[in-house]
Amino acid sequence: MKQYDQLQSEIQITLEKIARANASISRHMAQDDPDELAISQFADFKKQLTEHLLELLAEMDIRVNLAA
């Protein structure tokens, strides 16, 4: 098990990466001709980051159920 401070730091970094992925998705969707491949790739990356975040939270004994 990782130390609490390390987990906290990794959670913060993962949240920042998710926020950047969201911004990239929004930017590509806002284009006159949206780049569907880029949107799909960023959405996949966001999914991977979300799964990683859930693993980190579980290490802190925090369980989350997603509805989507």
C-alpha atoms as a PDB file:
ATOM      1  CA  MET A   1       0.000   0.000   0.000  1.00  0.00           C
ATOM      2  CA  LYS A   2       1.247   3.457  -0.893  1.00  0.00           C
ATOM      3  CA  GLN A   3       1.730   6.145   1.701  1.00  0.00           C
ATOM      4  CA  TYR A   4      -1.158   8.552   2.188  1.00  0.00           C
ATOM      5  CA  ASP A   5       0.806  11.581   0.911  1.00  0.00           C
ATOM      6  CA  GLN A   6       1.842   9.696  -2.226  1.00  0.00           C
ATOM      7  CA  LEU A   7      -1.749   8.605  -2.872  1.00  0.00           C
ATOM      8  CA  GLN A   8      -3.013  12.131  -2.335  1.00  0.00           C
ATOM      9  CA  SER A   9      -0.470  13.504  -4.796  1.00  0.00           C
ATOM     10  CA  GLU A  10      -1.236  10.847  -7.400  1.00  0.00           C
ATOM     11  CA  ILE A  11      -4.980  11.507  -7.041  1.00  0.00           C
ATOM     12  CA  GLN A  12      -4.428  15.240  -7.596  1.00  0.00           C
ATOM     13  CA  ILE A  13      -2.270  14.614 -10.678  1.00  0.00           C
ATOM     14  CA  THR A  14      -4.871  12.211 -12.090  1.00  0.00           C
ATOM     15  CA  LEU A  15      -7.666  14.749 -11.531  1.00  0.00           C
ATOM     16  CA  GLU A  16      -5.616  17.394 -13.352  1.00  0.00           C
ATOM     17  CA  LYS A  17      -5.081  15.007 -16.278  1.00  0.00           C
ATOM     18  CA  ILE A  18      -8.831  14.313 -16.414  1.00  0.00           C
ATOM     19  CA  ALA A  19      -9.510  18.059 -16.485  1.00  0.00           C
ATOM     20  CA  ARG A  20      -7.043  18.487 -19.376  1.00  0.00           C
ATOM     21  CA  ALA A  21      -8.649  15.583 -21.257  1.00  0.00           C
ATOM     22  CA  ASN A  22     -12.077  17.210 -20.764  1.00  0.00           C
ATOM     23  CA  ALA A  23     -10.716  20.501 -22.103  1.00  0.00           C
ATOM     24  CA  SER A  24      -9.241  18.746 -25.132  1.00  0.00           C
ATOM     25  CA  ILE A  25     -12.517  16.968 -25.841  1.00  0.00           C
ATOM     26  CA  SER A  26     -14.417  20.270 -25.598  1.00  0.00           C
ATOM     27  CA  ARG A  27     -11.894  22.033 -27.828  1.00  0.00           C
ATOM     28  CA  HIS A  28     -12.154  19.370 -30.534  1.00  0.00           C
ATOM     29  CA  MET A  29     -15.954  19.258 -30.312  1.00  0.00           C
ATOM     30  CA  ALA A  30     -16.150  23.046 -30.707  1.00  0.00           C
ATOM     31  CA  GLN A  31     -14.345  23.022 -34.062  1.00  0.00           C
ATOM     32  CA  ASP A  32     -16.364  23.646 -37.211  1.00  0.00           C
ATOM     33  CA  ASP A  33     -15.368  20.157 -38.374  1.00  0.00           C
ATOM     34  CA  PRO A  34     -14.924  18.156 -35.129  1.00  0.00           C
ATOM     35  CA  ASP A  35     -12.069  15.641 -35.183  1.00  0.00           C
ATOM     36  CA  GLU A  36     -13.976  12.500 -34.182  1.00  0.00           C
ATOM     37  CA  LEU A  37     -10.801  10.397 -33.918  1.00  0.00           C
ATOM     38  CA  ALA A  38      -9.202  12.853 -31.486  1.00  0.00           C
ATOM     39  CA  ILE A  39     -12.422  13.074 -29.478  1.00  0.00           C
ATOM     40  CA  SER A  40     -12.604   9.285 -29.275  1.00  0.00           C
ATOM     41  CA  GLN A  41      -8.962   8.992 -28.244  1.00  0.00           C
ATOM     42  CA  PHE A  42      -9.297  11.627 -25.524  1.00  0.00           C
ATOM     43  CA  ALA A  43     -12.489   9.941 -24.285  1.00  0.00           C
ATOM     44  CA  ASP A  44     -10.652   6.600 -24.079  1.00  0.00           C
ATOM     45  CA  PHE A  45      -7.759   8.276 -22.243  1.00  0.00           C
ATOM     46  CA  LYS A  46     -10.231   9.890 -19.833  1.00  0.00           C
ATOM     47  CA  LYS A  47     -11.810   6.477 -19.186  1.00  0.00           C
ATOM     48  CA  GLN A  48      -8.387   5.011 -18.378  1.00  0.00           C
ATOM     49  CA  LEU A  49      -7.635   7.912 -16.050  1.00  0.00           C
ATOM     50  CA  THR A  50     -11.000   7.504 -14.323  1.00  0.00           C
ATOM     51  CA  GLU A  51     -10.343   3.801 -13.751  1.00  0.00           C
ATOM     52  CA  HIS A  52      -6.918   4.670 -12.330  1.00  0.00           C
ATOM     53  CA  LEU A  53      -8.506   7.283 -10.063  1.00  0.00           C
ATOM     54  CA  LEU A  54     -10.983   4.710  -8.747  1.00  0.00           C
ATOM     55  CA  GLU A  55      -8.087   2.333  -7.987  1.00  0.00           C
ATOM     56  CA  LEU A  56      -6.269   5.078  -6.088  1.00  0.00           C
ATOM     57  CA  LEU A  57      -9.396   5.930  -4.115  1.00  0.00           C
ATOM     58  CA  ALA A  58      -9.906   2.254  -3.294  1.00  0.00           C
ATOM     59  CA  GLU A  59      -6.399   2.180  -1.832  1.00  0.00           C
ATOM     60  CA  MET A  60      -7.591   4.894   0.545  1.00  0.00           C
ATOM     61  CA  ASP A  61     -10.615   2.711   1.388  1.00  0.00           C
ATOM     62  CA  ILE A  62     -12.959   4.991  -0.560  1.00  0.00           C
ATOM     63  CA  ARG A  63     -15.421   3.097  -2.742  1.00  0.00           C
ATOM     64  CA  VAL A  64     -17.300   4.863  -5.535  1.00  0.00           C
ATOM     65  CA  ASN A  65     -20.026   3.495  -7.787  1.00  0.00           C
ATOM     66  CA  LEU A  66     -20.417   5.186 -11.158  1.00  0.00           C
ATOM     67  CA  ALA A  67     -23.858   5.466 -12.688  1.00  0.00           C
ATOM     68  CA  ALA A  68     -22.788   6.099 -16.287  1.00  0.00           C
END
